Every structure is written in C-alpha cells, then in structure tokens.
Amino acid sequence: MHIALFQPDIPQNTGTILRLCACLGATAHIIEPAGFPTSDRHFRRAGMDYLDHVALIRHDSWSKFEQWRNEAGSRLVLFTTKAAGSYLDFRYRSDDVLLFGRESAGVTDEVVAAADARLVIPIRPGLRSLNVAMAAAMALGEAMRQTGHPIAGEIGSEEKV
C-alpha cells in the first residue's frame, strides 16, 4: 500500500503522515516541490524518530511520479472534496496509491484527470474538509482493512526519483 502527497505545504501534516506510514508499513511518496525543506523543525518534530522507519520515495515532479506509477502498474486513488464516491464503497487493492493533494490548493486538473478513482470522505454539510493527516489515516485504515494488508515493509529507506 502506498500514500502519495502532492506538493505538500504544511510540514507538520507531512511528518504525521510519514509517521503513519512507518507505523503501518505503507510506502510514502512525496511529489515535489514541497512547500518546506525536510530539515524544517516542524516536519522533524511531527515525524519524530519515526522518520528513520519509513520507506520513502521522493519524486522530483508529477511526471516522474507518473512514470514510476505506470512502471509499477499501480492504480491512482485520489482523495478529494470534489468527488461523489465514498471511500467506504470503493474496492481497494494492495498496490493502490492513495493520493492526497496540497493542503492549500489540492491538485491540478492534470492530476485529477490521471486518477483511476476519485473518492471523498463524507463529512457533515457546511464543513469544508478534514485535516489531510486525519484523512490519510482514515483512508489507509479502510484500504488495509479491505485488503488484509499486513503491517510490514522496508524500514528506513529513502529513494529519490
């Protein structure tokens, strides 16, 4: 299972999501450019010492990420407030990439068009959205529940593509 972050801009959320990936054995992907350096103290504090335990792949651009994904044969599952289908009704596969957009701006139209599925986490009317780290935890939890994905994976590897 994979979680991808499209040009994340809040270091605390990214650190929290990387910690989630470390604990549950999901591979994390950061699609650059990020809105902060990985040396940022807020990023480091949120990730704590868990950053040494996450399988992390950094992609220089959206096109490099797409190249990786196409070679891997993984579906792209976009989580967006603009979708109609609930994340609870979707049938996940163990090699899916769960994609979350930039906190301040979401994703580009090009990214939306590339998604194999667009899902929403339903919330009460009149409210805008969940925190991206909370949404990632809910989505990964449901995907792992459905697929019986074991908590495993490489520990502490980072790759730049």
N, C-alpha and C. Protein backbone atom coordinates (compact mmCIF):
# COMPACT_ATOMS: atom_id res chain seq x y z
N MET A 1 0.86 -1.18 0.00
CA MET A 1 0.00 0.00 0.00
C MET A 1 0.90 1.23 0.00
N HIS A 2 0.44 2.27 -0.70
CA HIS A 2 1.22 3.50 -0.85
C HIS A 2 0.37 4.71 -0.49
N ILE A 3 0.98 5.71 0.12
CA ILE A 3 0.37 7.03 0.28
C ILE A 3 1.27 8.02 -0.43
N ALA A 4 0.67 8.83 -1.31
CA ALA A 4 1.42 9.86 -2.03
C ALA A 4 0.87 11.23 -1.64
N LEU A 5 1.79 12.17 -1.45
CA LEU A 5 1.44 13.54 -1.12
C LEU A 5 1.87 14.44 -2.27
N PHE A 6 0.91 15.13 -2.87
CA PHE A 6 1.18 16.00 -4.00
C PHE A 6 1.56 17.38 -3.49
N GLN A 7 2.82 17.73 -3.65
CA GLN A 7 3.35 19.05 -3.30
C GLN A 7 2.87 19.53 -1.92
N PRO A 8 3.12 18.75 -0.89
CA PRO A 8 2.64 19.13 0.44
C PRO A 8 3.23 20.47 0.89
N ASP A 9 2.43 21.25 1.63
CA ASP A 9 2.93 22.54 2.05
C ASP A 9 2.87 22.80 3.55
N ILE A 10 2.41 21.85 4.32
CA ILE A 10 2.40 22.00 5.78
C ILE A 10 3.28 20.90 6.37
N PRO A 11 4.43 21.27 6.91
CA PRO A 11 5.40 20.26 7.36
C PRO A 11 4.87 19.35 8.47
N GLN A 12 4.06 19.88 9.36
CA GLN A 12 3.54 19.05 10.45
C GLN A 12 2.66 17.93 9.91
N ASN A 13 1.82 18.23 8.92
CA ASN A 13 0.96 17.20 8.34
C ASN A 13 1.78 16.13 7.63
N THR A 14 2.79 16.56 6.89
CA THR A 14 3.64 15.60 6.18
C THR A 14 4.37 14.70 7.16
N GLY A 15 4.94 15.28 8.21
CA GLY A 15 5.62 14.48 9.23
C GLY A 15 4.69 13.47 9.87
N THR A 16 3.46 13.89 10.15
CA THR A 16 2.47 13.00 10.77
C THR A 16 2.11 11.85 9.83
N ILE A 17 1.95 12.14 8.54
CA ILE A 17 1.62 11.10 7.56
C ILE A 17 2.79 10.14 7.38
N LEU A 18 4.01 10.64 7.40
CA LEU A 18 5.17 9.74 7.30
C LEU A 18 5.24 8.84 8.53
N ARG A 19 4.90 9.37 9.69
CA ARG A 19 4.87 8.55 10.91
C ARG A 19 3.80 7.46 10.76
N LEU A 20 2.64 7.81 10.21
CA LEU A 20 1.58 6.83 9.95
C LEU A 20 2.09 5.72 9.04
N CYS A 21 2.77 6.10 7.96
CA CYS A 21 3.31 5.11 7.02
C CYS A 21 4.33 4.20 7.70
N ALA A 22 5.19 4.79 8.54
CA ALA A 22 6.18 3.99 9.25
C ALA A 22 5.50 2.96 10.15
N CYS A 23 4.51 3.40 10.89
CA CYS A 23 3.84 2.51 11.85
C CYS A 23 3.04 1.40 11.18
N LEU A 24 2.45 1.69 10.00
CA LEU A 24 1.58 0.70 9.36
C LEU A 24 2.22 0.00 8.16
N GLY A 25 3.46 0.34 7.85
CA GLY A 25 4.16 -0.36 6.78
C GLY A 25 3.77 0.04 5.38
N ALA A 26 3.24 1.24 5.21
CA ALA A 26 2.92 1.73 3.87
C ALA A 26 4.11 2.52 3.33
N THR A 27 4.31 2.45 2.03
CA THR A 27 5.35 3.25 1.40
C THR A 27 4.83 4.66 1.21
N ALA A 28 5.65 5.65 1.52
CA ALA A 28 5.27 7.06 1.38
C ALA A 28 5.96 7.65 0.15
N HIS A 29 5.23 8.50 -0.55
CA HIS A 29 5.76 9.20 -1.73
C HIS A 29 5.52 10.69 -1.54
N ILE A 30 6.55 11.48 -1.75
CA ILE A 30 6.39 12.94 -1.77
C ILE A 30 6.66 13.39 -3.20
N ILE A 31 5.66 14.05 -3.78
CA ILE A 31 5.78 14.58 -5.13
C ILE A 31 6.15 16.04 -5.01
N GLU A 32 7.35 16.36 -5.44
CA GLU A 32 7.90 17.72 -5.32
C GLU A 32 7.26 18.68 -6.34
N PRO A 33 7.32 19.97 -6.08
CA PRO A 33 8.05 20.58 -4.98
C PRO A 33 7.20 20.63 -3.71
N ALA A 34 7.83 20.37 -2.59
CA ALA A 34 7.18 20.53 -1.30
C ALA A 34 7.34 21.99 -0.88
N GLY A 35 6.45 22.46 -0.04
CA GLY A 35 6.49 23.85 0.38
C GLY A 35 7.40 24.11 1.56
N PHE A 36 8.30 23.17 1.86
CA PHE A 36 9.19 23.30 3.01
C PHE A 36 10.36 22.35 2.82
N PRO A 37 11.49 22.64 3.44
CA PRO A 37 12.62 21.70 3.37
C PRO A 37 12.43 20.57 4.39
N THR A 38 12.96 19.40 4.09
CA THR A 38 12.81 18.28 5.03
C THR A 38 13.61 18.50 6.31
N SER A 39 14.41 19.54 6.34
CA SER A 39 15.11 19.88 7.59
C SER A 39 14.25 20.76 8.49
N ASP A 40 13.06 21.15 8.03
CA ASP A 40 12.16 22.00 8.81
C ASP A 40 11.89 21.38 10.18
N ARG A 41 11.99 22.19 11.23
CA ARG A 41 11.84 21.68 12.60
C ARG A 41 10.43 21.15 12.87
N HIS A 42 9.40 21.76 12.26
CA HIS A 42 8.02 21.29 12.45
C HIS A 42 7.83 19.91 11.82
N PHE A 43 8.42 19.73 10.64
CA PHE A 43 8.38 18.44 9.95
C PHE A 43 9.06 17.38 10.81
N ARG A 44 10.26 17.67 11.29
CA ARG A 44 11.03 16.73 12.10
C ARG A 44 10.30 16.42 13.40
N ARG A 45 9.70 17.43 14.03
CA ARG A 45 9.00 17.21 15.29
C ARG A 45 7.78 16.31 15.09
N ALA A 46 7.01 16.55 14.02
CA ALA A 46 5.82 15.74 13.77
C ALA A 46 6.18 14.29 13.44
N GLY A 47 7.28 14.11 12.70
CA GLY A 47 7.70 12.76 12.33
C GLY A 47 8.46 12.06 13.43
N MET A 48 9.00 12.84 14.36
CA MET A 48 9.80 12.34 15.47
C MET A 48 10.86 11.35 14.97
N ASP A 49 11.16 10.37 15.76
CA ASP A 49 12.17 9.39 15.36
C ASP A 49 11.61 8.32 14.43
N TYR A 50 10.37 8.46 14.03
CA TYR A 50 9.75 7.50 13.12
C TYR A 50 10.23 7.69 11.69
N LEU A 51 10.79 8.85 11.38
CA LEU A 51 11.24 9.11 10.00
C LEU A 51 12.32 8.13 9.57
N ASP A 52 13.04 7.56 10.51
CA ASP A 52 14.06 6.57 10.18
C ASP A 52 13.45 5.20 9.87
N HIS A 53 12.15 5.06 10.03
CA HIS A 53 11.49 3.77 9.85
C HIS A 53 10.49 3.75 8.70
N VAL A 54 10.48 4.77 7.87
CA VAL A 54 9.52 4.83 6.77
C VAL A 54 10.23 4.57 5.45
N ALA A 55 9.56 3.80 4.59
CA ALA A 55 10.03 3.62 3.21
C ALA A 55 9.51 4.83 2.44
N LEU A 56 10.42 5.71 2.04
CA LEU A 56 10.06 6.99 1.42
C LEU A 56 10.67 7.10 0.04
N ILE A 57 9.83 7.47 -0.92
CA ILE A 57 10.29 7.74 -2.28
C ILE A 57 9.92 9.18 -2.59
N ARG A 58 10.91 9.97 -2.95
CA ARG A 58 10.70 11.36 -3.33
C ARG A 58 10.76 11.46 -4.85
N HIS A 59 9.76 12.10 -5.44
CA HIS A 59 9.69 12.26 -6.88
C HIS A 59 9.91 13.73 -7.20
N ASP A 60 10.84 14.03 -8.09
CA ASP A 60 11.18 15.41 -8.44
C ASP A 60 10.02 16.19 -9.05
N SER A 61 9.05 15.47 -9.63
CA SER A 61 7.95 16.15 -10.33
C SER A 61 6.77 15.18 -10.48
N TRP A 62 5.64 15.74 -10.89
CA TRP A 62 4.47 14.93 -11.17
C TRP A 62 4.77 13.93 -12.30
N SER A 63 5.45 14.37 -13.34
CA SER A 63 5.74 13.47 -14.46
C SER A 63 6.64 12.31 -14.04
N LYS A 64 7.59 12.56 -13.16
CA LYS A 64 8.45 11.46 -12.67
C LYS A 64 7.64 10.49 -11.81
N PHE A 65 6.72 11.02 -11.01
CA PHE A 65 5.85 10.16 -10.21
C PHE A 65 4.99 9.29 -11.14
N GLU A 66 4.41 9.90 -12.16
CA GLU A 66 3.57 9.15 -13.10
C GLU A 66 4.36 8.07 -13.83
N GLN A 67 5.59 8.37 -14.15
CA GLN A 67 6.45 7.37 -14.78
C GLN A 67 6.65 6.19 -13.83
N TRP A 68 6.96 6.47 -12.57
CA TRP A 68 7.12 5.41 -11.57
C TRP A 68 5.83 4.59 -11.45
N ARG A 69 4.70 5.28 -11.34
CA ARG A 69 3.41 4.60 -11.12
C ARG A 69 3.05 3.72 -12.31
N ASN A 70 3.27 4.22 -13.51
CA ASN A 70 2.95 3.42 -14.70
C ASN A 70 3.84 2.18 -14.78
N GLU A 71 5.11 2.33 -14.44
CA GLU A 71 6.02 1.17 -14.42
C GLU A 71 5.61 0.17 -13.35
N ALA A 72 5.12 0.67 -12.21
CA ALA A 72 4.70 -0.21 -11.11
C ALA A 72 3.33 -0.84 -11.39
N GLY A 73 2.54 -0.24 -12.27
CA GLY A 73 1.21 -0.76 -12.58
C GLY A 73 0.20 -0.53 -11.48
N SER A 74 0.40 0.50 -10.67
CA SER A 74 -0.50 0.80 -9.54
C SER A 74 -1.62 1.74 -9.96
N ARG A 75 -2.78 1.53 -9.38
CA ARG A 75 -3.89 2.46 -9.59
C ARG A 75 -3.67 3.71 -8.75
N LEU A 76 -4.14 4.84 -9.25
CA LEU A 76 -4.06 6.10 -8.52
C LEU A 76 -5.45 6.43 -7.98
N VAL A 77 -5.56 6.48 -6.65
CA VAL A 77 -6.82 6.75 -5.99
C VAL A 77 -6.72 8.12 -5.31
N LEU A 78 -7.39 9.10 -5.89
CA LEU A 78 -7.33 10.48 -5.42
C LEU A 78 -8.41 10.74 -4.38
N PHE A 79 -8.01 11.30 -3.26
CA PHE A 79 -8.97 11.71 -2.23
C PHE A 79 -9.17 13.21 -2.38
N THR A 80 -10.44 13.58 -2.61
CA THR A 80 -10.77 14.97 -2.89
C THR A 80 -12.15 15.31 -2.37
N THR A 81 -12.34 16.55 -1.98
CA THR A 81 -13.66 17.00 -1.53
C THR A 81 -14.61 17.16 -2.71
N LYS A 82 -14.10 17.07 -3.92
CA LYS A 82 -14.92 17.27 -5.13
C LYS A 82 -15.40 15.96 -5.75
N ALA A 83 -15.23 14.85 -5.08
CA ALA A 83 -15.65 13.55 -5.60
C ALA A 83 -17.07 13.23 -5.14
N ALA A 84 -17.68 12.29 -5.82
CA ALA A 84 -19.02 11.85 -5.44
C ALA A 84 -18.99 10.51 -4.72
N GLY A 85 -18.03 9.65 -5.06
CA GLY A 85 -17.98 8.31 -4.50
C GLY A 85 -17.33 8.29 -3.12
N SER A 86 -17.96 7.59 -2.19
CA SER A 86 -17.43 7.48 -0.83
C SER A 86 -16.26 6.51 -0.78
N TYR A 87 -15.28 6.83 0.02
CA TYR A 87 -14.11 5.96 0.19
C TYR A 87 -14.49 4.62 0.81
N LEU A 88 -15.63 4.54 1.45
CA LEU A 88 -16.07 3.29 2.07
C LEU A 88 -16.67 2.32 1.05
N ASP A 89 -17.11 2.83 -0.10
CA ASP A 89 -17.74 1.99 -1.12
C ASP A 89 -16.76 1.49 -2.18
N PHE A 90 -15.53 1.93 -2.11
CA PHE A 90 -14.51 1.59 -3.11
C PHE A 90 -13.85 0.27 -2.74
N ARG A 91 -13.47 -0.52 -3.76
CA ARG A 91 -12.76 -1.78 -3.55
C ARG A 91 -11.27 -1.54 -3.79
N TYR A 92 -10.50 -1.53 -2.73
CA TYR A 92 -9.06 -1.25 -2.79
C TYR A 92 -8.28 -2.50 -3.17
N ARG A 93 -7.09 -2.28 -3.73
CA ARG A 93 -6.13 -3.34 -4.00
C ARG A 93 -4.86 -3.02 -3.21
N SER A 94 -4.10 -4.03 -2.90
CA SER A 94 -2.93 -3.85 -2.03
C SER A 94 -1.83 -2.99 -2.66
N ASP A 95 -1.85 -2.81 -3.98
CA ASP A 95 -0.82 -1.99 -4.62
C ASP A 95 -1.33 -0.60 -5.00
N ASP A 96 -2.51 -0.21 -4.51
CA ASP A 96 -3.06 1.12 -4.81
C ASP A 96 -2.19 2.22 -4.22
N VAL A 97 -2.20 3.37 -4.90
CA VAL A 97 -1.56 4.58 -4.40
C VAL A 97 -2.67 5.53 -3.98
N LEU A 98 -2.74 5.83 -2.69
CA LEU A 98 -3.74 6.76 -2.15
C LEU A 98 -3.11 8.14 -2.20
N LEU A 99 -3.67 9.03 -3.01
CA LEU A 99 -3.08 10.34 -3.26
C LEU A 99 -3.85 11.44 -2.55
N PHE A 100 -3.11 12.32 -1.87
CA PHE A 100 -3.68 13.45 -1.16
C PHE A 100 -3.02 14.72 -1.66
N GLY A 101 -3.84 15.75 -1.92
CA GLY A 101 -3.36 16.98 -2.51
C GLY A 101 -2.78 17.95 -1.50
N ARG A 102 -2.25 19.01 -2.04
CA ARG A 102 -1.67 20.11 -1.28
C ARG A 102 -2.75 20.71 -0.38
N GLU A 103 -2.42 20.93 0.87
CA GLU A 103 -3.40 21.42 1.83
C GLU A 103 -4.04 22.74 1.40
N SER A 104 -3.26 23.62 0.80
CA SER A 104 -3.77 24.94 0.44
C SER A 104 -4.47 25.00 -0.92
N ALA A 105 -4.21 24.03 -1.79
CA ALA A 105 -4.74 24.15 -3.15
C ALA A 105 -5.19 22.85 -3.79
N GLY A 106 -5.09 21.73 -3.12
CA GLY A 106 -5.49 20.46 -3.72
C GLY A 106 -4.51 20.01 -4.78
N VAL A 107 -5.04 19.52 -5.91
CA VAL A 107 -4.21 19.05 -7.00
C VAL A 107 -4.59 19.77 -8.29
N THR A 108 -3.76 19.64 -9.29
CA THR A 108 -4.04 20.26 -10.59
C THR A 108 -5.05 19.43 -11.38
N ASP A 109 -5.60 20.04 -12.43
CA ASP A 109 -6.53 19.33 -13.31
C ASP A 109 -5.86 18.12 -13.95
N GLU A 110 -4.57 18.23 -14.25
CA GLU A 110 -3.82 17.13 -14.84
C GLU A 110 -3.81 15.91 -13.89
N VAL A 111 -3.66 16.17 -12.61
CA VAL A 111 -3.65 15.10 -11.61
C VAL A 111 -5.04 14.48 -11.50
N VAL A 112 -6.06 15.31 -11.47
CA VAL A 112 -7.44 14.81 -11.41
C VAL A 112 -7.71 13.89 -12.60
N ALA A 113 -7.30 14.31 -13.78
CA ALA A 113 -7.53 13.52 -14.99
C ALA A 113 -6.79 12.19 -14.97
N ALA A 114 -5.63 12.14 -14.31
CA ALA A 114 -4.83 10.92 -14.27
C ALA A 114 -5.35 9.90 -13.26
N ALA A 115 -6.19 10.32 -12.34
CA ALA A 115 -6.66 9.42 -11.27
C ALA A 115 -7.56 8.33 -11.84
N ASP A 116 -7.34 7.12 -11.35
CA ASP A 116 -8.19 5.99 -11.73
C ASP A 116 -9.50 6.02 -10.95
N ALA A 117 -9.47 6.65 -9.79
CA ALA A 117 -10.67 6.80 -8.96
C ALA A 117 -10.55 8.09 -8.17
N ARG A 118 -11.70 8.74 -7.93
CA ARG A 118 -11.75 9.94 -7.11
C ARG A 118 -12.75 9.69 -6.00
N LEU A 119 -12.27 9.80 -4.76
CA LEU A 119 -13.09 9.45 -3.61
C LEU A 119 -13.18 10.60 -2.62
N VAL A 120 -14.25 10.60 -1.85
CA VAL A 120 -14.45 11.59 -0.81
C VAL A 120 -14.69 10.87 0.51
N ILE A 121 -14.25 11.50 1.58
CA ILE A 121 -14.61 11.05 2.93
C ILE A 121 -15.78 11.93 3.33
N PRO A 122 -16.99 11.36 3.40
CA PRO A 122 -18.16 12.20 3.69
C PRO A 122 -18.06 12.84 5.08
N ILE A 123 -18.39 14.12 5.13
CA ILE A 123 -18.44 14.85 6.40
C ILE A 123 -19.76 15.61 6.47
N ARG A 124 -20.03 16.19 7.60
CA ARG A 124 -21.29 16.92 7.80
C ARG A 124 -21.39 18.10 6.84
N PRO A 125 -22.60 18.38 6.36
CA PRO A 125 -22.81 19.53 5.46
C PRO A 125 -22.37 20.84 6.13
N GLY A 126 -21.86 21.74 5.31
CA GLY A 126 -21.45 23.05 5.81
C GLY A 126 -20.02 23.11 6.31
N LEU A 127 -19.36 21.96 6.43
CA LEU A 127 -17.97 21.94 6.85
C LEU A 127 -17.10 21.67 5.62
N ARG A 128 -15.90 22.25 5.60
CA ARG A 128 -15.07 22.24 4.41
C ARG A 128 -14.34 20.92 4.18
N SER A 129 -13.54 20.50 5.16
CA SER A 129 -12.74 19.31 4.93
C SER A 129 -12.09 18.85 6.23
N LEU A 130 -11.57 17.64 6.19
CA LEU A 130 -10.78 17.10 7.29
C LEU A 130 -9.33 17.53 7.13
N ASN A 131 -8.57 17.46 8.19
CA ASN A 131 -7.13 17.64 8.12
C ASN A 131 -6.58 16.51 7.25
N VAL A 132 -5.60 16.81 6.40
CA VAL A 132 -5.09 15.82 5.45
C VAL A 132 -4.48 14.61 6.15
N ALA A 133 -3.85 14.81 7.29
CA ALA A 133 -3.27 13.67 8.02
C ALA A 133 -4.37 12.77 8.57
N MET A 134 -5.46 13.36 9.02
CA MET A 134 -6.60 12.56 9.51
C MET A 134 -7.23 11.79 8.34
N ALA A 135 -7.39 12.47 7.21
CA ALA A 135 -7.96 11.81 6.03
C ALA A 135 -7.08 10.65 5.56
N ALA A 136 -5.77 10.86 5.57
CA ALA A 136 -4.85 9.79 5.16
C ALA A 136 -4.98 8.58 6.09
N ALA A 137 -5.09 8.84 7.39
CA ALA A 137 -5.22 7.74 8.35
C ALA A 137 -6.52 6.97 8.13
N MET A 138 -7.61 7.68 7.90
CA MET A 138 -8.89 7.01 7.65
C MET A 138 -8.84 6.18 6.37
N ALA A 139 -8.30 6.78 5.31
CA ALA A 139 -8.23 6.10 4.02
C ALA A 139 -7.33 4.87 4.08
N LEU A 140 -6.14 5.03 4.66
CA LEU A 140 -5.22 3.89 4.76
C LEU A 140 -5.81 2.79 5.64
N GLY A 141 -6.46 3.16 6.71
CA GLY A 141 -7.08 2.17 7.58
C GLY A 141 -8.13 1.34 6.85
N GLU A 142 -8.99 2.01 6.08
CA GLU A 142 -10.02 1.29 5.33
C GLU A 142 -9.41 0.43 4.23
N ALA A 143 -8.41 0.96 3.52
CA ALA A 143 -7.77 0.19 2.46
C ALA A 143 -7.08 -1.05 3.03
N MET A 144 -6.41 -0.90 4.15
CA MET A 144 -5.73 -2.03 4.77
C MET A 144 -6.73 -3.04 5.33
N ARG A 145 -7.84 -2.55 5.86
CA ARG A 145 -8.88 -3.46 6.37
C ARG A 145 -9.41 -4.32 5.23
N GLN A 146 -9.73 -3.69 4.11
CA GLN A 146 -10.29 -4.42 2.97
C GLN A 146 -9.31 -5.42 2.37
N THR A 147 -8.06 -5.04 2.27
CA THR A 147 -7.09 -5.89 1.57
C THR A 147 -6.39 -6.87 2.49
N GLY A 148 -6.58 -6.72 3.80
CA GLY A 148 -5.87 -7.58 4.73
C GLY A 148 -4.38 -7.33 4.67
N HIS A 149 -4.01 -6.10 4.28
CA HIS A 149 -2.60 -5.73 4.11
C HIS A 149 -1.84 -5.91 5.42
N PRO A 150 -0.77 -6.69 5.39
CA PRO A 150 0.00 -6.89 6.61
C PRO A 150 0.82 -5.65 6.97
N ILE A 151 1.08 -5.47 8.22
CA ILE A 151 1.93 -4.38 8.67
C ILE A 151 3.36 -4.86 8.52
N ALA A 152 3.99 -4.40 7.44
CA ALA A 152 5.34 -4.83 7.11
C ALA A 152 5.99 -3.79 6.23
N GLY A 153 7.07 -4.13 5.61
CA GLY A 153 7.72 -3.24 4.67
C GLY A 153 9.14 -2.93 5.06
N GLU A 154 9.84 -2.29 4.14
CA GLU A 154 11.21 -1.89 4.40
C GLU A 154 11.24 -0.84 5.49
N ILE A 155 12.31 -0.82 6.20
CA ILE A 155 12.47 0.15 7.27
C ILE A 155 13.58 1.11 6.93
N GLY A 156 13.25 2.39 6.99
CA GLY A 156 14.26 3.41 6.88
C GLY A 156 14.92 3.57 5.53
N SER A 157 14.21 3.32 4.45
CA SER A 157 14.83 3.53 3.14
C SER A 157 14.28 4.79 2.51
N GLU A 158 15.12 5.51 1.81
CA GLU A 158 14.67 6.68 1.06
C GLU A 158 15.28 6.61 -0.31
N GLU A 159 14.43 6.92 -1.28
CA GLU A 159 14.83 6.88 -2.68
C GLU A 159 14.37 8.18 -3.32
N LYS A 160 15.14 8.72 -4.22
CA LYS A 160 14.74 9.92 -4.94
C LYS A 160 14.67 9.56 -6.41
N VAL A 161 13.51 9.88 -7.01
CA VAL A 161 13.28 9.57 -8.42
C VAL A 161 13.15 10.86 -9.20
